[in-house]
Full PDB file with SEQRES, HELIX, SHEET, SSBOND, CRYST1, ORIGX, SCALE, CONECT and MASTER records, all heavy atoms in Angstrom:
SEQRES   1 A   43  CYS LEU ARG VAL ARG ASP ASP GLU PRO SER GLN VAL TYR          
SEQRES   2 A   43  PRO GLU GLY PRO ARG HIS PRO HIS PRO SER GLU LEU THR          
SEQRES   3 A   43  ALA ARG GLN SER ALA ASP LYS ARG ILE LEU TYR LEU ARG          
SEQRES   4 A   43  ASN LEU ARG LYS                                              
HELIX    1 AA1 PRO A   22  GLU A   24  5                                   3    
HELIX    2 AA2 ALA A   27  ARG A   42  1                                  16    
CRYST1    1.000    1.000    1.000  90.00  90.00  90.00 P 1           1          
ORIGX1      1.000000  0.000000  0.000000        0.00000                         
ORIGX2      0.000000  1.000000  0.000000        0.00000                         
ORIGX3      0.000000  0.000000  1.000000        0.00000                         
SCALE1      1.000000  0.000000  0.000000        0.00000                         
SCALE2      0.000000  1.000000  0.000000        0.00000                         
SCALE3      0.000000  0.000000  1.000000        0.00000                         
ATOM      1  N   CYS A   1     -53.914  19.587  -3.041  1.00  0.00           N  
ATOM      2  CA  CYS A   1     -52.550  20.083  -3.022  1.00  0.00           C  
ATOM      3  C   CYS A   1     -52.104  20.281  -1.574  1.00  0.00           C  
ATOM      4  O   CYS A   1     -52.775  20.967  -0.814  1.00  0.00           O  
ATOM      5  CB  CYS A   1     -52.483  21.405  -3.781  1.00  0.00           C  
ATOM      6  SG  CYS A   1     -50.831  22.053  -3.895  1.00  0.00           S  
ATOM      7  N   LEU A   2     -51.002  19.689  -1.235  1.00  0.00           N  
ATOM      8  CA  LEU A   2     -50.485  19.845   0.125  1.00  0.00           C  
ATOM      9  C   LEU A   2     -49.510  21.012   0.142  1.00  0.00           C  
ATOM     10  O   LEU A   2     -48.580  21.067  -0.643  1.00  0.00           O  
ATOM     11  CB  LEU A   2     -49.764  18.581   0.574  1.00  0.00           C  
ATOM     12  CG  LEU A   2     -50.615  17.333   0.703  1.00  0.00           C  
ATOM     13  CD1 LEU A   2     -49.736  16.145   1.035  1.00  0.00           C  
ATOM     14  CD2 LEU A   2     -51.649  17.522   1.790  1.00  0.00           C  
ATOM     15  N   ARG A   3     -49.728  21.909   1.030  1.00  0.00           N  
ATOM     16  CA  ARG A   3     -48.842  23.057   1.156  1.00  0.00           C  
ATOM     17  C   ARG A   3     -48.009  22.902   2.421  1.00  0.00           C  
ATOM     18  O   ARG A   3     -48.539  22.732   3.504  1.00  0.00           O  
ATOM     19  CB  ARG A   3     -49.629  24.350   1.229  1.00  0.00           C  
ATOM     20  CG  ARG A   3     -50.329  24.675  -0.046  1.00  0.00           C  
ATOM     21  CD  ARG A   3     -50.967  26.019   0.084  1.00  0.00           C  
ATOM     22  NE  ARG A   3     -50.592  26.781  -1.095  1.00  0.00           N  
ATOM     23  CZ  ARG A   3     -50.841  28.051  -1.248  1.00  0.00           C  
ATOM     24  NH1 ARG A   3     -51.427  28.713  -0.297  1.00  0.00           N  
ATOM     25  NH2 ARG A   3     -50.506  28.660  -2.351  1.00  0.00           N  
ATOM     26  N   VAL A   4     -46.710  22.975   2.259  1.00  0.00           N  
ATOM     27  CA  VAL A   4     -45.813  22.877   3.401  1.00  0.00           C  
ATOM     28  C   VAL A   4     -45.007  24.154   3.432  1.00  0.00           C  
ATOM     29  O   VAL A   4     -44.391  24.540   2.453  1.00  0.00           O  
ATOM     30  CB  VAL A   4     -44.892  21.648   3.281  1.00  0.00           C  
ATOM     31  CG1 VAL A   4     -43.978  21.541   4.481  1.00  0.00           C  
ATOM     32  CG2 VAL A   4     -45.718  20.390   3.101  1.00  0.00           C  
ATOM     33  N   ARG A   5     -45.018  24.814   4.560  1.00  0.00           N  
ATOM     34  CA  ARG A   5     -44.303  26.079   4.683  1.00  0.00           C  
ATOM     35  C   ARG A   5     -42.872  25.874   5.185  1.00  0.00           C  
ATOM     36  O   ARG A   5     -42.590  24.934   5.915  1.00  0.00           O  
ATOM     37  CB  ARG A   5     -45.034  27.002   5.669  1.00  0.00           C  
ATOM     38  CG  ARG A   5     -46.292  27.589   5.078  1.00  0.00           C  
ATOM     39  CD  ARG A   5     -46.887  28.583   6.031  1.00  0.00           C  
ATOM     40  NE  ARG A   5     -48.136  27.989   6.549  1.00  0.00           N  
ATOM     41  CZ  ARG A   5     -48.664  28.274   7.695  1.00  0.00           C  
ATOM     42  NH1 ARG A   5     -48.087  29.123   8.491  1.00  0.00           N  
ATOM     43  NH2 ARG A   5     -49.770  27.720   8.062  1.00  0.00           N  
ATOM     44  N   ASP A   6     -42.004  26.779   4.817  1.00  0.00           N  
ATOM     45  CA  ASP A   6     -40.620  26.830   5.288  1.00  0.00           C  
ATOM     46  C   ASP A   6     -39.827  25.551   5.025  1.00  0.00           C  
ATOM     47  O   ASP A   6     -38.985  25.168   5.823  1.00  0.00           O  
ATOM     48  CB  ASP A   6     -40.578  27.163   6.793  1.00  0.00           C  
ATOM     49  CG  ASP A   6     -41.204  28.510   7.068  1.00  0.00           C  
ATOM     50  OD1 ASP A   6     -41.154  29.375   6.169  1.00  0.00           O  
ATOM     51  OD2 ASP A   6     -41.719  28.695   8.176  1.00  0.00           O  
ATOM     52  N   ASP A   7     -40.111  24.893   3.938  1.00  0.00           N  
ATOM     53  CA  ASP A   7     -39.315  23.729   3.557  1.00  0.00           C  
ATOM     54  C   ASP A   7     -38.296  24.144   2.518  1.00  0.00           C  
ATOM     55  O   ASP A   7     -38.626  24.775   1.519  1.00  0.00           O  
ATOM     56  CB  ASP A   7     -40.195  22.629   2.968  1.00  0.00           C  
ATOM     57  CG  ASP A   7     -40.664  21.658   4.023  1.00  0.00           C  
ATOM     58  OD1 ASP A   7     -40.200  21.786   5.157  1.00  0.00           O  
ATOM     59  OD2 ASP A   7     -41.490  20.782   3.697  1.00  0.00           O  
ATOM     60  N   GLU A   8     -37.048  23.782   2.800  1.00  0.00           N  
ATOM     61  CA  GLU A   8     -36.000  24.061   1.824  1.00  0.00           C  
ATOM     62  C   GLU A   8     -35.780  22.803   0.998  1.00  0.00           C  
ATOM     63  O   GLU A   8     -35.891  21.692   1.507  1.00  0.00           O  
ATOM     64  CB  GLU A   8     -34.695  24.437   2.538  1.00  0.00           C  
ATOM     65  CG  GLU A   8     -34.797  25.719   3.321  1.00  0.00           C  
ATOM     66  CD  GLU A   8     -33.487  26.064   3.996  1.00  0.00           C  
ATOM     67  OE1 GLU A   8     -32.462  25.450   3.656  1.00  0.00           O  
ATOM     68  OE2 GLU A   8     -33.496  26.937   4.859  1.00  0.00           O  
ATOM     69  N   PRO A   9     -35.452  22.963  -0.256  1.00  0.00           N  
ATOM     70  CA  PRO A   9     -35.189  21.771  -1.060  1.00  0.00           C  
ATOM     71  C   PRO A   9     -33.948  21.053  -0.534  1.00  0.00           C  
ATOM     72  O   PRO A   9     -33.001  21.680  -0.081  1.00  0.00           O  
ATOM     73  CB  PRO A   9     -34.942  22.316  -2.469  1.00  0.00           C  
ATOM     74  CG  PRO A   9     -34.647  23.759  -2.288  1.00  0.00           C  
ATOM     75  CD  PRO A   9     -35.315  24.187  -1.020  1.00  0.00           C  
ATOM     76  N   SER A  10     -34.003  19.737  -0.573  1.00  0.00           N  
ATOM     77  CA  SER A  10     -32.863  18.979  -0.046  1.00  0.00           C  
ATOM     78  C   SER A  10     -31.666  19.134  -0.989  1.00  0.00           C  
ATOM     79  O   SER A  10     -31.813  19.208  -2.202  1.00  0.00           O  
ATOM     80  CB  SER A  10     -33.227  17.509   0.108  1.00  0.00           C  
ATOM     81  OG  SER A  10     -33.550  16.981  -1.167  1.00  0.00           O  
ATOM     82  N   GLN A  11     -30.507  19.157  -0.380  1.00  0.00           N  
ATOM     83  CA  GLN A  11     -29.294  19.337  -1.164  1.00  0.00           C  
ATOM     84  C   GLN A  11     -28.810  17.990  -1.673  1.00  0.00           C  
ATOM     85  O   GLN A  11     -28.904  16.980  -0.988  1.00  0.00           O  
ATOM     86  CB  GLN A  11     -28.199  19.968  -0.310  1.00  0.00           C  
ATOM     87  CG  GLN A  11     -28.544  21.347   0.179  1.00  0.00           C  
ATOM     88  CD  GLN A  11     -27.429  21.889   1.066  1.00  0.00           C  
ATOM     89  OE1 GLN A  11     -26.487  21.187   1.376  1.00  0.00           O  
ATOM     90  NE2 GLN A  11     -27.558  23.140   1.454  1.00  0.00           N  
ATOM     91  N   VAL A  12     -28.309  17.998  -2.886  1.00  0.00           N  
ATOM     92  CA  VAL A  12     -27.790  16.770  -3.441  1.00  0.00           C  
ATOM     93  C   VAL A  12     -26.489  16.393  -2.731  1.00  0.00           C  
ATOM     94  O   VAL A  12     -26.263  15.255  -2.358  1.00  0.00           O  
ATOM     95  CB  VAL A  12     -27.533  16.921  -4.955  1.00  0.00           C  
ATOM     96  CG1 VAL A  12     -26.931  15.647  -5.528  1.00  0.00           C  
ATOM     97  CG2 VAL A  12     -28.818  17.268  -5.669  1.00  0.00           C  
ATOM     98  N   TYR A  13     -25.609  17.381  -2.531  1.00  0.00           N  
ATOM     99  CA  TYR A  13     -24.354  17.167  -1.815  1.00  0.00           C  
ATOM    100  C   TYR A  13     -24.367  18.028  -0.561  1.00  0.00           C  
ATOM    101  O   TYR A  13     -23.914  19.160  -0.592  1.00  0.00           O  
ATOM    102  CB  TYR A  13     -23.151  17.545  -2.685  1.00  0.00           C  
ATOM    103  CG  TYR A  13     -23.055  16.718  -3.928  1.00  0.00           C  
ATOM    104  CD1 TYR A  13     -23.349  17.247  -5.170  1.00  0.00           C  
ATOM    105  CD2 TYR A  13     -22.668  15.387  -3.858  1.00  0.00           C  
ATOM    106  CE1 TYR A  13     -23.264  16.481  -6.312  1.00  0.00           C  
ATOM    107  CE2 TYR A  13     -22.570  14.611  -4.994  1.00  0.00           C  
ATOM    108  CZ  TYR A  13     -22.871  15.162  -6.226  1.00  0.00           C  
ATOM    109  OH  TYR A  13     -22.779  14.402  -7.347  1.00  0.00           O  
ATOM    110  N   PRO A  14     -24.885  17.507   0.534  1.00  0.00           N  
ATOM    111  CA  PRO A  14     -24.919  18.327   1.747  1.00  0.00           C  
ATOM    112  C   PRO A  14     -23.498  18.618   2.231  1.00  0.00           C  
ATOM    113  O   PRO A  14     -22.586  17.832   2.000  1.00  0.00           O  
ATOM    114  CB  PRO A  14     -25.665  17.456   2.751  1.00  0.00           C  
ATOM    115  CG  PRO A  14     -25.465  16.076   2.265  1.00  0.00           C  
ATOM    116  CD  PRO A  14     -25.359  16.160   0.762  1.00  0.00           C  
ATOM    117  N   GLU A  15     -23.361  19.749   2.872  1.00  0.00           N  
ATOM    118  CA  GLU A  15     -22.043  20.098   3.388  1.00  0.00           C  
ATOM    119  C   GLU A  15     -21.684  19.134   4.503  1.00  0.00           C  
ATOM    120  O   GLU A  15     -22.390  19.015   5.482  1.00  0.00           O  
ATOM    121  CB  GLU A  15     -22.041  21.531   3.911  1.00  0.00           C  
ATOM    122  CG  GLU A  15     -22.134  22.558   2.815  1.00  0.00           C  
ATOM    123  CD  GLU A  15     -21.968  23.958   3.346  1.00  0.00           C  
ATOM    124  OE1 GLU A  15     -21.262  24.115   4.347  1.00  0.00           O  
ATOM    125  OE2 GLU A  15     -22.547  24.867   2.742  1.00  0.00           O  
ATOM    126  N   GLY A  16     -20.584  18.482   4.310  1.00  0.00           N  
ATOM    127  CA  GLY A  16     -20.163  17.498   5.294  1.00  0.00           C  
ATOM    128  C   GLY A  16     -18.681  17.300   5.187  1.00  0.00           C  
ATOM    129  O   GLY A  16     -17.942  18.213   4.823  1.00  0.00           O  
ATOM    130  N   PRO A  17     -18.218  16.111   5.483  1.00  0.00           N  
ATOM    131  CA  PRO A  17     -16.779  15.880   5.430  1.00  0.00           C  
ATOM    132  C   PRO A  17     -16.255  16.045   4.003  1.00  0.00           C  
ATOM    133  O   PRO A  17     -16.780  15.480   3.065  1.00  0.00           O  
ATOM    134  CB  PRO A  17     -16.619  14.443   5.904  1.00  0.00           C  
ATOM    135  CG  PRO A  17     -17.964  13.886   6.090  1.00  0.00           C  
ATOM    136  CD  PRO A  17     -18.963  14.957   5.910  1.00  0.00           C  
ATOM    137  N   ARG A  18     -15.258  16.841   3.875  1.00  0.00           N  
ATOM    138  CA  ARG A  18     -14.592  17.032   2.596  1.00  0.00           C  
ATOM    139  C   ARG A  18     -13.133  17.323   2.887  1.00  0.00           C  
ATOM    140  O   ARG A  18     -12.768  17.669   3.998  1.00  0.00           O  
ATOM    141  CB  ARG A  18     -15.210  18.169   1.796  1.00  0.00           C  
ATOM    142  CG  ARG A  18     -15.095  19.518   2.474  1.00  0.00           C  
ATOM    143  CD  ARG A  18     -15.734  20.601   1.612  1.00  0.00           C  
ATOM    144  NE  ARG A  18     -15.685  21.864   2.308  1.00  0.00           N  
ATOM    145  CZ  ARG A  18     -14.670  22.725   2.242  1.00  0.00           C  
ATOM    146  NH1 ARG A  18     -13.633  22.456   1.489  1.00  0.00           N  
ATOM    147  NH2 ARG A  18     -14.684  23.845   2.917  1.00  0.00           N  
ATOM    148  N   HIS A  19     -12.311  17.162   1.902  1.00  0.00           N  
ATOM    149  CA  HIS A  19     -10.896  17.437   2.093  1.00  0.00           C  
ATOM    150  C   HIS A  19     -10.680  18.938   2.065  1.00  0.00           C  
ATOM    151  O   HIS A  19     -10.925  19.577   1.046  1.00  0.00           O  
ATOM    152  CB  HIS A  19     -10.056  16.757   1.017  1.00  0.00           C  
ATOM    153  CG  HIS A  19     -10.171  15.262   1.026  1.00  0.00           C  
ATOM    154  ND1 HIS A  19     -10.203  14.521   2.178  1.00  0.00           N  
ATOM    155  CD2 HIS A  19     -10.246  14.358   0.030  1.00  0.00           C  
ATOM    156  CE1 HIS A  19     -10.292  13.254   1.894  1.00  0.00           C  
ATOM    157  NE2 HIS A  19     -10.333  13.120   0.593  1.00  0.00           N  
ATOM    158  N   PRO A  20     -10.224  19.502   3.167  1.00  0.00           N  
ATOM    159  CA  PRO A  20     -10.030  20.948   3.207  1.00  0.00           C  
ATOM    160  C   PRO A  20      -8.824  21.367   2.373  1.00  0.00           C  
ATOM    161  O   PRO A  20      -7.884  20.591   2.177  1.00  0.00           O  
ATOM    162  CB  PRO A  20      -9.797  21.251   4.682  1.00  0.00           C  
ATOM    163  CG  PRO A  20      -9.237  19.986   5.220  1.00  0.00           C  
ATOM    164  CD  PRO A  20      -9.852  18.872   4.422  1.00  0.00           C  
ATOM    165  N   HIS A  21      -8.882  22.550   1.881  1.00  0.00           N  
ATOM    166  CA  HIS A  21      -7.740  23.122   1.181  1.00  0.00           C  
ATOM    167  C   HIS A  21      -6.637  23.318   2.222  1.00  0.00           C  
ATOM    168  O   HIS A  21      -6.928  23.627   3.373  1.00  0.00           O  
ATOM    169  CB  HIS A  21      -8.145  24.457   0.560  1.00  0.00           C  
ATOM    170  CG  HIS A  21      -7.137  24.997  -0.390  1.00  0.00           C  
ATOM    171  ND1 HIS A  21      -6.131  25.834   0.012  1.00  0.00           N  
ATOM    172  CD2 HIS A  21      -6.963  24.804  -1.719  1.00  0.00           C  
ATOM    173  CE1 HIS A  21      -5.387  26.144  -1.032  1.00  0.00           C  
ATOM    174  NE2 HIS A  21      -5.871  25.534  -2.100  1.00  0.00           N  
ATOM    175  N   PRO A  22      -5.371  23.145   1.838  1.00  0.00           N  
ATOM    176  CA  PRO A  22      -4.294  23.259   2.846  1.00  0.00           C  
ATOM    177  C   PRO A  22      -4.321  24.564   3.634  1.00  0.00           C  
ATOM    178  O   PRO A  22      -3.952  24.602   4.795  1.00  0.00           O  
ATOM    179  CB  PRO A  22      -3.027  23.154   2.014  1.00  0.00           C  
ATOM    180  CG  PRO A  22      -3.417  22.383   0.811  1.00  0.00           C  
ATOM    181  CD  PRO A  22      -4.852  22.731   0.549  1.00  0.00           C  
ATOM    182  N   SER A  23      -4.772  25.634   3.020  1.00  0.00           N  
ATOM    183  CA  SER A  23      -4.794  26.904   3.741  1.00  0.00           C  
ATOM    184  C   SER A  23      -5.919  26.955   4.768  1.00  0.00           C  
ATOM    185  O   SER A  23      -5.942  27.836   5.615  1.00  0.00           O  
ATOM    186  CB  SER A  23      -4.944  28.065   2.762  1.00  0.00           C  
ATOM    187  OG  SER A  23      -6.194  27.968   2.098  1.00  0.00           O  
ATOM    188  N   GLU A  24      -6.836  25.983   4.712  1.00  0.00           N  
ATOM    189  CA  GLU A  24      -7.955  25.970   5.652  1.00  0.00           C  
ATOM    190  C   GLU A  24      -7.653  25.153   6.909  1.00  0.00           C  
ATOM    191  O   GLU A  24      -8.509  25.016   7.768  1.00  0.00           O  
ATOM    192  CB  GLU A  24      -9.202  25.397   4.969  1.00  0.00           C  
ATOM    193  CG  GLU A  24      -9.734  26.252   3.835  1.00  0.00           C  
ATOM    194  CD  GLU A  24     -10.913  25.609   3.138  1.00  0.00           C  
ATOM    195  OE1 GLU A  24     -11.353  24.535   3.580  1.00  0.00           O  
ATOM    196  OE2 GLU A  24     -11.383  26.175   2.162  1.00  0.00           O  
ATOM    197  N   LEU A  25      -6.460  24.594   7.015  1.00  0.00           N  
ATOM    198  CA  LEU A  25      -6.120  23.814   8.204  1.00  0.00           C  
ATOM    199  C   LEU A  25      -6.061  24.722   9.427  1.00  0.00           C  
ATOM    200  O   LEU A  25      -5.556  25.837   9.365  1.00  0.00           O  
ATOM    201  CB  LEU A  25      -4.772  23.128   8.030  1.00  0.00           C  
ATOM    202  CG  LEU A  25      -4.714  22.008   7.009  1.00  0.00           C  
ATOM    203  CD1 LEU A  25      -3.299  21.498   6.885  1.00  0.00           C  
ATOM    204  CD2 LEU A  25      -5.639  20.889   7.393  1.00  0.00           C  
ATOM    205  N   THR A  26      -6.563  24.211  10.517  1.00  0.00           N  
ATOM    206  CA  THR A  26      -6.560  25.002  11.748  1.00  0.00           C  
ATOM    207  C   THR A  26      -5.197  24.906  12.416  1.00  0.00           C  
ATOM    208  O   THR A  26      -4.372  24.064  12.068  1.00  0.00           O  
ATOM    209  CB  THR A  26      -7.642  24.485  12.713  1.00  0.00           C  
ATOM    210  OG1 THR A  26      -7.302  23.157  13.083  1.00  0.00           O  
ATOM    211  CG2 THR A  26      -9.015  24.530  12.084  1.00  0.00           C  
ATOM    212  N   ALA A  27      -4.990  25.746  13.376  1.00  0.00           N  
ATOM    213  CA  ALA A  27      -3.719  25.737  14.114  1.00  0.00           C  
ATOM    214  C   ALA A  27      -3.535  24.420  14.857  1.00  0.00           C  
ATOM    215  O   ALA A  27      -2.431  23.875  14.921  1.00  0.00           O  
ATOM    216  CB  ALA A  27      -3.679  26.899  15.083  1.00  0.00           C  
ATOM    217  N   ARG A  28      -4.629  23.889  15.392  1.00  0.00           N  
ATOM    218  CA  ARG A  28      -4.541  22.626  16.131  1.00  0.00           C  
ATOM    219  C   ARG A  28      -4.156  21.476  15.200  1.00  0.00           C  
ATOM    220  O   ARG A  28      -3.345  20.622  15.555  1.00  0.00           O  
ATOM    221  CB  ARG A  28      -5.871  22.337  16.802  1.00  0.00           C  
ATOM    222  CG  ARG A  28      -5.855  21.054  17.587  1.00  0.00           C  
ATOM    223  CD  ARG A  28      -7.149  20.795  18.295  1.00  0.00           C  
ATOM    224  NE  ARG A  28      -7.064  19.513  18.974  1.00  0.00           N  
ATOM    225  CZ  ARG A  28      -7.780  19.180  20.003  1.00  0.00           C  
ATOM    226  NH1 ARG A  28      -8.637  20.035  20.495  1.00  0.00           N  
ATOM    227  NH2 ARG A  28      -7.661  18.009  20.561  1.00  0.00           N  
ATOM    228  N   GLN A  29      -4.744  21.475  14.006  1.00  0.00           N  
ATOM    229  CA  GLN A  29      -4.427  20.414  13.058  1.00  0.00           C  
ATOM    230  C   GLN A  29      -2.959  20.469  12.649  1.00  0.00           C  
ATOM    231  O   GLN A  29      -2.292  19.440  12.567  1.00  0.00           O  
ATOM    232  CB  GLN A  29      -5.307  20.524  11.818  1.00  0.00           C  
ATOM    233  CG  GLN A  29      -6.738  20.079  12.050  1.00  0.00           C  
ATOM    234  CD  GLN A  29      -7.627  20.360  10.865  1.00  0.00           C  
ATOM    235  OE1 GLN A  29      -7.465  21.394  10.202  1.00  0.00           O  
ATOM    236  NE2 GLN A  29      -8.550  19.469  10.587  1.00  0.00           N  
ATOM    237  N   SER A  30      -2.470  21.665  12.411  1.00  0.00           N  
ATOM    238  CA  SER A  30      -1.070  21.777  12.002  1.00  0.00           C  
ATOM    239  C   SER A  30      -0.139  21.392  13.158  1.00  0.00           C  
ATOM    240  O   SER A  30       0.900  20.773  12.947  1.00  0.00           O  
ATOM    241  CB  SER A  30      -0.756  23.176  11.496  1.00  0.00           C  
ATOM    242  OG  SER A  30      -0.985  24.134  12.497  1.00  0.00           O  
ATOM    243  N   ALA A  31      -0.537  21.717  14.391  1.00  0.00           N  
ATOM    244  CA  ALA A  31       0.271  21.329  15.554  1.00  0.00           C  
ATOM    245  C   ALA A  31       0.268  19.809  15.710  1.00  0.00           C  
ATOM    246  O   ALA A  31       1.325  19.209  15.974  1.00  0.00           O  
ATOM    247  CB  ALA A  31      -0.262  21.989  16.811  1.00  0.00           C  
ATOM    248  N   ASP A  32      -0.890  19.184  15.541  1.00  0.00           N  
ATOM    249  CA  ASP A  32      -0.971  17.724  15.648  1.00  0.00           C  
ATOM    250  C   ASP A  32      -0.106  17.052  14.590  1.00  0.00           C  
ATOM    251  O   ASP A  32       0.581  16.067  14.859  1.00  0.00           O  
ATOM    252  CB  ASP A  32      -2.415  17.247  15.503  1.00  0.00           C  
ATOM    253  CG  ASP A  32      -3.273  17.584  16.711  1.00  0.00           C  
ATOM    254  OD1 ASP A  32      -2.692  17.929  17.761  1.00  0.00           O  
ATOM    255  OD2 ASP A  32      -4.510  17.514  16.599  1.00  0.00           O  
ATOM    256  N   LYS A  33      -0.139  17.603  13.393  1.00  0.00           N  
ATOM    257  CA  LYS A  33       0.652  17.044  12.307  1.00  0.00           C  
ATOM    258  C   LYS A  33       2.150  17.167  12.612  1.00  0.00           C  
ATOM    259  O   LYS A  33       2.918  16.236  12.383  1.00  0.00           O  
ATOM    260  CB  LYS A  33       0.326  17.792  11.010  1.00  0.00           C  
ATOM    261  CG  LYS A  33       0.638  17.049   9.767  1.00  0.00           C  
ATOM    262  CD  LYS A  33       0.056  17.766   8.565  1.00  0.00           C  
ATOM    263  CE  LYS A  33       0.061  16.879   7.355  1.00  0.00           C  
ATOM    264  NZ  LYS A  33      -0.534  17.500   6.200  1.00  0.00           N  
ATOM    265  N   ARG A  34       2.536  18.306  13.168  1.00  0.00           N  
ATOM    266  CA  ARG A  34       3.947  18.527  13.507  1.00  0.00           C  
ATOM    267  C   ARG A  34       4.389  17.566  14.614  1.00  0.00           C  
ATOM    268  O   ARG A  34       5.490  17.006  14.577  1.00  0.00           O  
ATOM    269  CB  ARG A  34       4.146  19.977  13.927  1.00  0.00           C  
ATOM    270  CG  ARG A  34       5.588  20.380  14.081  1.00  0.00           C  
ATOM    271  CD  ARG A  34       5.744  21.869  14.271  1.00  0.00           C  
ATOM    272  NE  ARG A  34       5.045  22.372  15.426  1.00  0.00           N  
ATOM    273  CZ  ARG A  34       4.011  23.224  15.377  1.00  0.00           C  
ATOM    274  NH1 ARG A  34       3.569  23.672  14.236  1.00  0.00           N  
ATOM    275  NH2 ARG A  34       3.435  23.633  16.485  1.00  0.00           N  
ATOM    276  N   ILE A  35       3.513  17.348  15.606  1.00  0.00           N  
ATOM    277  CA  ILE A  35       3.830  16.432  16.708  1.00  0.00           C  
ATOM    278  C   ILE A  35       4.035  15.012  16.168  1.00  0.00           C  
ATOM    279  O   ILE A  35       4.991  14.330  16.535  1.00  0.00           O  
ATOM    280  CB  ILE A  35       2.724  16.464  17.779  1.00  0.00           C  
ATOM    281  CG1 ILE A  35       2.773  17.793  18.527  1.00  0.00           C  
ATOM    282  CG2 ILE A  35       2.849  15.299  18.745  1.00  0.00           C  
ATOM    283  CD1 ILE A  35       1.588  18.041  19.411  1.00  0.00           C  
ATOM    284  N   LEU A  36       3.141  14.563  15.287  1.00  0.00           N  
ATOM    285  CA  LEU A  36       3.284  13.228  14.712  1.00  0.00           C  
ATOM    286  C   LEU A  36       4.574  13.111  13.906  1.00  0.00           C  
ATOM    287  O   LEU A  36       5.267  12.099  13.966  1.00  0.00           O  
ATOM    288  CB  LEU A  36       2.083  12.910  13.811  1.00  0.00           C  
ATOM    289  CG  LEU A  36       0.772  12.623  14.531  1.00  0.00           C  
ATOM    290  CD1 LEU A  36      -0.355  12.427  13.540  1.00  0.00           C  
ATOM    291  CD2 LEU A  36       0.914  11.407  15.416  1.00  0.00           C  
ATOM    292  N   TYR A  37       4.890  14.163  13.159  1.00  0.00           N  
ATOM    293  CA  TYR A  37       6.113  14.159  12.364  1.00  0.00           C  
ATOM    294  C   TYR A  37       7.340  14.032  13.266  1.00  0.00           C  
ATOM    295  O   TYR A  37       8.244  13.238  12.999  1.00  0.00           O  
ATOM    296  CB  TYR A  37       6.202  15.433  11.527  1.00  0.00           C  
ATOM    297  CG  TYR A  37       7.516  15.594  10.815  1.00  0.00           C  
ATOM    298  CD1 TYR A  37       7.814  14.830   9.690  1.00  0.00           C  
ATOM    299  CD2 TYR A  37       8.470  16.488  11.274  1.00  0.00           C  
ATOM    300  CE1 TYR A  37       9.026  14.968   9.049  1.00  0.00           C  
ATOM    301  CE2 TYR A  37       9.682  16.634  10.640  1.00  0.00           C  
ATOM    302  CZ  TYR A  37       9.954  15.869   9.522  1.00  0.00           C  
ATOM    303  OH  TYR A  37      11.159  16.007   8.888  1.00  0.00           O  
ATOM    304  N   LEU A  38       7.364  14.784  14.367  1.00  0.00           N  
ATOM    305  CA  LEU A  38       8.511  14.731  15.274  1.00  0.00           C  
ATOM    306  C   LEU A  38       8.615  13.381  15.980  1.00  0.00           C  
ATOM    307  O   LEU A  38       9.714  12.882  16.220  1.00  0.00           O  
ATOM    308  CB  LEU A  38       8.434  15.866  16.294  1.00  0.00           C  
ATOM    309  CG  LEU A  38       8.672  17.264  15.716  1.00  0.00           C  
ATOM    310  CD1 LEU A  38       8.423  18.325  16.765  1.00  0.00           C  
ATOM    311  CD2 LEU A  38      10.069  17.379  15.172  1.00  0.00           C  
ATOM    312  N   ARG A  39       7.463  12.779  16.316  1.00  0.00           N  
ATOM    313  CA  ARG A  39       7.486  11.446  16.927  1.00  0.00           C  
ATOM    314  C   ARG A  39       8.107  10.430  15.971  1.00  0.00           C  
ATOM    315  O   ARG A  39       8.942   9.619  16.374  1.00  0.00           O  
ATOM    316  CB  ARG A  39       6.075  10.997  17.287  1.00  0.00           C  
ATOM    317  CG  ARG A  39       5.573  11.541  18.582  1.00  0.00           C  
ATOM    318  CD  ARG A  39       4.241  10.930  18.910  1.00  0.00           C  
ATOM    319  NE  ARG A  39       3.599  11.635  19.994  1.00  0.00           N  
ATOM    320  CZ  ARG A  39       2.306  11.640  20.205  1.00  0.00           C  
ATOM    321  NH1 ARG A  39       1.504  10.975  19.403  1.00  0.00           N  
ATOM    322  NH2 ARG A  39       1.789  12.307  21.209  1.00  0.00           N  
ATOM    323  N   ASN A  40       7.669  10.487  14.719  1.00  0.00           N  
ATOM    324  CA  ASN A  40       8.205   9.548  13.736  1.00  0.00           C  
ATOM    325  C   ASN A  40       9.696   9.790  13.513  1.00  0.00           C  
ATOM    326  O   ASN A  40      10.458   8.848  13.323  1.00  0.00           O  
ATOM    327  CB  ASN A  40       7.450   9.657  12.410  1.00  0.00           C  
ATOM    328  CG  ASN A  40       6.076   9.035  12.502  1.00  0.00           C  
ATOM    329  OD1 ASN A  40       5.841   8.158  13.319  1.00  0.00           O  
ATOM    330  ND2 ASN A  40       5.161   9.500  11.681  1.00  0.00           N  
ATOM    331  N   LEU A  41      10.091  11.051  13.558  1.00  0.00           N  
ATOM    332  CA  LEU A  41      11.499  11.391  13.396  1.00  0.00           C  
ATOM    333  C   LEU A  41      12.327  10.777  14.528  1.00  0.00           C  
ATOM    334  O   LEU A  41      13.394  10.205  14.301  1.00  0.00           O  
ATOM    335  CB  LEU A  41      11.651  12.910  13.381  1.00  0.00           C  
ATOM    336  CG  LEU A  41      12.893  13.487  12.759  1.00  0.00           C  
ATOM    337  CD1 LEU A  41      12.946  13.137  11.290  1.00  0.00           C  
ATOM    338  CD2 LEU A  41      12.896  14.994  12.910  1.00  0.00           C  
ATOM    339  N   ARG A  42      11.800  10.881  15.759  1.00  0.00           N  
ATOM    340  CA  ARG A  42      12.489  10.296  16.911  1.00  0.00           C  
ATOM    341  C   ARG A  42      12.614   8.781  16.774  1.00  0.00           C  
ATOM    342  O   ARG A  42      13.650   8.201  17.085  1.00  0.00           O  
ATOM    343  CB  ARG A  42      11.740  10.631  18.198  1.00  0.00           C  
ATOM    344  CG  ARG A  42      12.449  11.662  19.029  1.00  0.00           C  
ATOM    345  CD  ARG A  42      11.812  11.805  20.379  1.00  0.00           C  
ATOM    346  NE  ARG A  42      11.037  13.038  20.392  1.00  0.00           N  
ATOM    347  CZ  ARG A  42       9.877  13.204  21.006  1.00  0.00           C  
ATOM    348  NH1 ARG A  42       9.356  12.231  21.680  1.00  0.00           N  
ATOM    349  NH2 ARG A  42       9.254  14.343  20.961  1.00  0.00           N  
ATOM    350  N   LYS A  43      11.515   8.137  16.311  1.00  0.00           N  
ATOM    351  CA  LYS A  43      11.544   6.686  16.128  1.00  0.00           C  
ATOM    352  C   LYS A  43      12.602   6.295  15.103  1.00  0.00           C  
ATOM    353  O   LYS A  43      13.359   5.348  15.314  1.00  0.00           O  
ATOM    354  CB  LYS A  43      10.181   6.184  15.652  1.00  0.00           C  
ATOM    355  CG  LYS A  43       9.119   6.154  16.720  1.00  0.00           C  
ATOM    356  CD  LYS A  43       7.823   5.651  16.127  1.00  0.00           C  
ATOM    357  CE  LYS A  43       6.666   5.819  17.076  1.00  0.00           C  
ATOM    358  NZ  LYS A  43       5.396   5.435  16.444  1.00  0.00           N  
TER     359      LYS A  43                                                      
MASTER        0    0    0    2    0    0    0    6  358    1    0    4          
END                                                                             
């Protein structure tokens, strides 16, 4: 029997890229979105 210490079971869905809930958007993301919107408006 092989004993391995401090091993956590691997996750089936590791935390990684996912679509954030709209309330989780950062201030920078919302500013970038607003800038793109205004650029398109100008065009």
